[in-house]
Amino acid sequence: MYTALLIVMILAGIALSASILLMSPKGGLGAGIAGIGGGGDFGARKGIEKTLTRSAQISGLIFLICVLILPYLS
């Protein structure tokens, strides 16, 4: 159970990080990491932004639950 919870926590952390980096206003993963962005189409990605926001919220909640449960398993 402990190992499964650690795997879920790592996957949720990766998903959370990726969705936050992709939500950069300048677009793309490179813009979130290095600040380099190429793109001025700010209004064209409303559906994707909503999906990324929802996935960030869900993965953050899963990560938080795993962090709170982890100390009680030994």
N, C-alpha and C. Protein backbone atom coordinates (compact mmCIF):
# COMPACT_ATOMS: atom_id res chain seq x y z
N MET A 1 0.82 -1.20 0.00
CA MET A 1 0.00 0.00 0.00
C MET A 1 0.87 1.26 0.00
N TYR A 2 1.96 1.21 0.77
CA TYR A 2 2.86 2.35 0.87
C TYR A 2 3.49 2.66 -0.49
N THR A 3 3.93 1.61 -1.19
CA THR A 3 4.57 1.79 -2.50
C THR A 3 3.57 2.31 -3.53
N ALA A 4 2.37 1.77 -3.50
CA ALA A 4 1.34 2.23 -4.45
C ALA A 4 1.01 3.70 -4.21
N LEU A 5 0.94 4.10 -2.95
CA LEU A 5 0.65 5.50 -2.63
C LEU A 5 1.79 6.42 -3.09
N LEU A 6 3.03 5.95 -2.94
CA LEU A 6 4.16 6.75 -3.43
C LEU A 6 4.13 6.90 -4.94
N ILE A 7 3.77 5.83 -5.65
CA ILE A 7 3.69 5.90 -7.11
C ILE A 7 2.59 6.86 -7.55
N VAL A 8 1.43 6.79 -6.88
CA VAL A 8 0.33 7.71 -7.19
C VAL A 8 0.74 9.15 -6.91
N MET A 9 1.46 9.36 -5.81
CA MET A 9 1.89 10.71 -5.45
C MET A 9 2.89 11.26 -6.47
N ILE A 10 3.81 10.42 -6.93
CA ILE A 10 4.79 10.87 -7.93
C ILE A 10 4.09 11.20 -9.25
N LEU A 11 3.18 10.34 -9.68
CA LEU A 11 2.45 10.60 -10.93
C LEU A 11 1.58 11.85 -10.83
N ALA A 12 0.95 12.06 -9.68
CA ALA A 12 0.13 13.27 -9.50
C ALA A 12 1.02 14.51 -9.49
N GLY A 13 2.19 14.42 -8.91
CA GLY A 13 3.11 15.56 -8.91
C GLY A 13 3.61 15.91 -10.30
N ILE A 14 3.89 14.87 -11.09
CA ILE A 14 4.32 15.12 -12.47
C ILE A 14 3.20 15.74 -13.29
N ALA A 15 1.99 15.21 -13.12
CA ALA A 15 0.84 15.76 -13.85
C ALA A 15 0.56 17.20 -13.43
N LEU A 16 0.69 17.48 -12.14
CA LEU A 16 0.48 18.84 -11.64
C LEU A 16 1.51 19.80 -12.21
N SER A 17 2.77 19.40 -12.19
CA SER A 17 3.84 20.25 -12.72
C SER A 17 3.66 20.51 -14.21
N ALA A 18 3.34 19.46 -14.96
CA ALA A 18 3.17 19.61 -16.40
C ALA A 18 1.99 20.52 -16.73
N SER A 19 0.89 20.36 -16.03
CA SER A 19 -0.28 21.18 -16.34
C SER A 19 -0.05 22.64 -15.94
N ILE A 20 0.70 22.89 -14.89
CA ILE A 20 1.00 24.26 -14.51
C ILE A 20 1.95 24.90 -15.52
N LEU A 21 2.96 24.14 -15.97
CA LEU A 21 3.89 24.69 -16.95
C LEU A 21 3.21 24.96 -18.29
N LEU A 22 2.25 24.13 -18.66
CA LEU A 22 1.56 24.33 -19.93
C LEU A 22 0.55 25.47 -19.87
N MET A 23 0.19 25.93 -18.68
CA MET A 23 -0.77 27.03 -18.56
C MET A 23 -0.10 28.40 -18.66
N SER A 24 1.14 28.44 -19.07
CA SER A 24 1.85 29.70 -19.21
C SER A 24 1.14 30.59 -20.21
N PRO A 25 1.01 31.89 -19.95
CA PRO A 25 0.27 32.76 -20.86
C PRO A 25 0.94 32.93 -22.22
N LYS A 26 2.23 32.69 -22.31
CA LYS A 26 2.91 32.81 -23.60
C LYS A 26 2.88 31.50 -24.37
N GLY A 27 2.40 30.44 -23.76
CA GLY A 27 2.16 29.19 -24.46
C GLY A 27 3.37 28.28 -24.52
N GLY A 28 3.13 27.02 -24.33
CA GLY A 28 4.15 26.00 -24.52
C GLY A 28 4.94 25.69 -23.28
N LEU A 29 5.61 24.55 -23.32
CA LEU A 29 6.40 24.08 -22.20
C LEU A 29 7.67 24.90 -22.06
N GLY A 30 8.26 25.34 -23.17
CA GLY A 30 9.47 26.15 -23.12
C GLY A 30 9.25 27.48 -22.43
N ALA A 31 8.08 28.04 -22.58
CA ALA A 31 7.78 29.32 -21.95
C ALA A 31 7.68 29.17 -20.44
N GLY A 32 7.18 28.04 -20.00
CA GLY A 32 7.07 27.82 -18.56
C GLY A 32 8.40 27.55 -17.91
N ILE A 33 9.32 26.93 -18.63
CA ILE A 33 10.62 26.58 -18.07
C ILE A 33 11.61 27.72 -18.22
N ALA A 34 11.81 28.19 -19.44
CA ALA A 34 12.87 29.15 -19.69
C ALA A 34 12.37 30.57 -19.90
N GLY A 35 11.09 30.76 -19.98
CA GLY A 35 10.56 32.08 -20.21
C GLY A 35 10.57 32.48 -21.68
N ILE A 36 10.87 31.51 -22.54
CA ILE A 36 10.92 31.78 -23.97
C ILE A 36 9.56 31.43 -24.55
N GLY A 37 8.95 32.36 -25.17
CA GLY A 37 7.63 32.08 -25.73
C GLY A 37 7.50 32.61 -27.13
N GLY A 38 6.79 31.88 -27.91
CA GLY A 38 6.53 32.37 -29.24
C GLY A 38 5.06 32.16 -29.54
N GLY A 39 4.31 33.16 -29.50
CA GLY A 39 2.90 32.98 -29.80
C GLY A 39 2.11 34.11 -29.20
N GLY A 40 1.26 34.65 -29.98
CA GLY A 40 0.46 35.74 -29.49
C GLY A 40 -1.02 35.42 -29.54
N ASP A 41 -1.36 34.16 -29.68
CA ASP A 41 -2.77 33.77 -29.77
C ASP A 41 -3.31 33.47 -28.38
N PHE A 42 -3.63 34.52 -27.64
CA PHE A 42 -4.04 34.34 -26.26
C PHE A 42 -5.49 33.89 -26.13
N GLY A 43 -6.34 34.18 -27.08
CA GLY A 43 -7.74 33.87 -26.94
C GLY A 43 -8.18 32.60 -27.63
N ALA A 44 -7.27 31.88 -28.25
CA ALA A 44 -7.67 30.74 -29.07
C ALA A 44 -7.69 29.42 -28.31
N ARG A 45 -7.28 29.41 -27.05
CA ARG A 45 -7.13 28.15 -26.35
C ARG A 45 -8.02 28.04 -25.12
N LYS A 46 -9.22 28.55 -25.18
CA LYS A 46 -10.09 28.54 -24.01
C LYS A 46 -10.45 27.13 -23.56
N GLY A 47 -10.73 26.23 -24.48
CA GLY A 47 -11.08 24.86 -24.11
C GLY A 47 -9.91 24.13 -23.49
N ILE A 48 -8.71 24.35 -24.06
CA ILE A 48 -7.51 23.70 -23.54
C ILE A 48 -7.16 24.27 -22.17
N GLU A 49 -7.31 25.57 -22.00
CA GLU A 49 -7.01 26.19 -20.71
C GLU A 49 -7.94 25.67 -19.62
N LYS A 50 -9.20 25.49 -19.98
CA LYS A 50 -10.16 24.96 -19.00
C LYS A 50 -9.79 23.53 -18.61
N THR A 51 -9.39 22.73 -19.60
CA THR A 51 -8.99 21.35 -19.32
C THR A 51 -7.72 21.31 -18.48
N LEU A 52 -6.76 22.17 -18.79
CA LEU A 52 -5.52 22.20 -18.01
C LEU A 52 -5.77 22.67 -16.58
N THR A 53 -6.65 23.64 -16.42
CA THR A 53 -6.98 24.11 -15.08
C THR A 53 -7.64 23.00 -14.27
N ARG A 54 -8.57 22.29 -14.89
CA ARG A 54 -9.26 21.19 -14.20
C ARG A 54 -8.28 20.07 -13.85
N SER A 55 -7.37 19.74 -14.77
CA SER A 55 -6.41 18.67 -14.49
C SER A 55 -5.43 19.10 -13.40
N ALA A 56 -5.06 20.38 -13.36
CA ALA A 56 -4.19 20.86 -12.29
C ALA A 56 -4.89 20.78 -10.93
N GLN A 57 -6.17 21.11 -10.91
CA GLN A 57 -6.91 21.04 -9.65
C GLN A 57 -7.05 19.60 -9.17
N ILE A 58 -7.38 18.70 -10.07
CA ILE A 58 -7.58 17.30 -9.68
C ILE A 58 -6.26 16.67 -9.26
N SER A 59 -5.19 16.89 -10.03
CA SER A 59 -3.91 16.29 -9.66
C SER A 59 -3.36 16.91 -8.37
N GLY A 60 -3.62 18.19 -8.14
CA GLY A 60 -3.21 18.81 -6.88
C GLY A 60 -3.97 18.24 -5.70
N LEU A 61 -5.24 17.98 -5.88
CA LEU A 61 -6.04 17.37 -4.81
C LEU A 61 -5.58 15.95 -4.51
N ILE A 62 -5.31 15.18 -5.55
CA ILE A 62 -4.80 13.81 -5.35
C ILE A 62 -3.45 13.85 -4.65
N PHE A 63 -2.57 14.77 -5.04
CA PHE A 63 -1.27 14.91 -4.40
C PHE A 63 -1.42 15.28 -2.93
N LEU A 64 -2.31 16.21 -2.63
CA LEU A 64 -2.53 16.62 -1.25
C LEU A 64 -3.06 15.49 -0.39
N ILE A 65 -4.00 14.72 -0.93
CA ILE A 65 -4.55 13.58 -0.18
C ILE A 65 -3.46 12.55 0.09
N CYS A 66 -2.62 12.28 -0.92
CA CYS A 66 -1.53 11.32 -0.72
C CYS A 66 -0.55 11.80 0.33
N VAL A 67 -0.25 13.09 0.32
CA VAL A 67 0.69 13.64 1.30
C VAL A 67 0.10 13.54 2.73
N LEU A 68 -1.20 13.74 2.85
CA LEU A 68 -1.81 13.68 4.17
C LEU A 68 -1.97 12.24 4.68
N ILE A 69 -2.14 11.28 3.78
CA ILE A 69 -2.32 9.89 4.18
C ILE A 69 -0.99 9.19 4.43
N LEU A 70 0.06 9.58 3.71
CA LEU A 70 1.34 8.90 3.74
C LEU A 70 1.93 8.71 5.15
N PRO A 71 1.90 9.69 6.04
CA PRO A 71 2.51 9.48 7.36
C PRO A 71 1.82 8.40 8.21
N TYR A 72 0.57 8.12 7.92
CA TYR A 72 -0.18 7.16 8.73
C TYR A 72 0.03 5.71 8.27
N LEU A 73 0.71 5.54 7.14
CA LEU A 73 1.02 4.18 6.66
C LEU A 73 2.47 3.88 7.00
N SER A 74 2.69 2.72 7.56
CA SER A 74 4.08 2.35 7.85
C SER A 74 4.27 0.86 7.80
